[in-house]
Protein backbone atom coordinates (compact mmCIF):
# COMPACT_ATOMS: atom_id res chain seq x y z
CA UNK A 1 -0.05 0.01 0.00
CA UNK A 2 2.86 2.40 0.86
CA UNK A 3 4.19 2.19 -2.72
CA UNK A 4 0.78 2.83 -4.16
CA UNK A 5 0.40 5.98 -2.01
CA UNK A 6 3.97 7.11 -2.86
CA UNK A 7 3.26 6.70 -6.66
CA UNK A 8 0.05 8.73 -6.23
CA UNK A 9 2.11 11.49 -4.58
CA UNK A 10 4.75 11.40 -7.23
CA UNK A 11 2.12 11.64 -9.98
CA UNK A 12 0.68 14.69 -8.36
CA UNK A 13 3.72 16.67 -7.31
CA UNK A 14 5.90 18.28 -9.79
CA UNK A 15 9.39 17.38 -8.31
CA UNK A 16 12.74 17.88 -10.01
CA UNK A 17 14.36 15.11 -7.92
CA UNK A 18 13.42 11.60 -6.92
CA UNK A 19 10.74 11.55 -4.18
CA UNK A 20 11.28 8.90 -1.38
CA UNK A 21 9.51 8.52 1.89
CA UNK A 22 12.48 10.59 3.52
CA UNK A 23 11.93 13.55 1.14
CA UNK A 24 11.11 16.72 3.17
CA UNK A 25 7.79 18.27 2.30
CA UNK A 26 9.42 21.72 2.11
CA UNK A 27 11.60 20.39 -0.77
CA UNK A 28 8.52 19.81 -2.85
CA UNK A 29 7.29 23.44 -2.61
CA UNK A 30 3.93 22.22 -1.43
CA UNK A 31 1.71 24.98 -0.01
CA UNK A 32 -1.74 24.71 1.42
CA UNK A 33 -3.48 24.83 -1.94
CA UNK A 34 -1.19 22.14 -3.53
CA UNK A 35 -1.63 19.95 -0.46
CA UNK A 36 -5.47 20.08 -0.82
CA UNK A 37 -5.28 19.24 -4.47
CA UNK A 38 -2.93 16.35 -3.71
CA UNK A 39 -5.20 15.03 -0.82
CA UNK A 40 -8.25 15.32 -3.18
CA UNK A 41 -6.49 13.01 -5.72
CA UNK A 42 -5.52 10.58 -2.83
CA UNK A 43 -9.20 10.54 -1.81
CA UNK A 44 -10.31 9.76 -5.25
CA UNK A 45 -7.72 7.06 -5.91
CA UNK A 46 -8.17 5.22 -2.63
CA UNK A 47 -11.92 5.99 -2.15
CA UNK A 48 -11.43 7.57 1.30
CA UNK A 49 -12.29 10.87 3.01
CA UNK A 50 -9.43 12.49 4.72
CA UNK A 51 -10.42 14.32 7.88
CA UNK A 52 -10.15 18.22 7.72
CA UNK A 53 -7.72 18.09 10.59
CA UNK A 54 -5.23 16.34 8.37
CA UNK A 55 -5.13 18.95 5.53
CA UNK A 56 -2.54 21.33 6.82
CA UNK A 57 0.71 20.69 5.17
CA UNK A 58 2.65 22.01 8.10
CA UNK A 59 1.65 18.86 10.01
CA UNK A 60 4.07 16.89 7.96
CA UNK A 61 7.82 16.82 7.97
CA UNK A 62 8.49 14.44 5.14
CA UNK A 63 6.61 12.18 2.76
CA UNK A 64 6.58 9.35 5.24
CA UNK A 65 4.46 11.40 7.64
CA UNK A 66 2.02 12.02 4.84
CA UNK A 67 1.93 8.30 3.87
CA UNK A 68 1.36 7.21 7.52
CA UNK A 69 -1.61 9.62 7.75
CA UNK A 70 -3.13 8.30 4.43
CA UNK A 71 -2.59 4.66 5.58
CA UNK A 72 -4.43 5.50 8.82
CA UNK A 73 -7.32 7.02 6.83
CA UNK A 74 -7.53 3.93 4.70
CA UNK A 75 -7.60 1.77 7.73
CA UNK A 76 -10.37 3.85 9.30
CA UNK A 77 -12.37 3.76 6.07
CA UNK A 78 -12.15 -0.03 6.06
CA UNK A 79 -13.13 -0.41 9.62
CA UNK A 80 -16.16 1.95 9.16
CA UNK A 81 -17.67 -0.49 6.57
């Protein structure tokens, strides 16, 4: 699942360098608007709804933090069914 999430992020972020789980969010020039667009794409691809409290890009230091949150949301969506 982590690899699928990472691929979704890569597809939706214009990065000049390789993106890994250790890539700092600040290196990707993601602002609040870009984060919302990215998370909308994640929601569509994984058929989940991300809590509003998780929309602030400043909550994430690196891509791993973002992937962890998305995995948690996917888990929550699965347990809610």
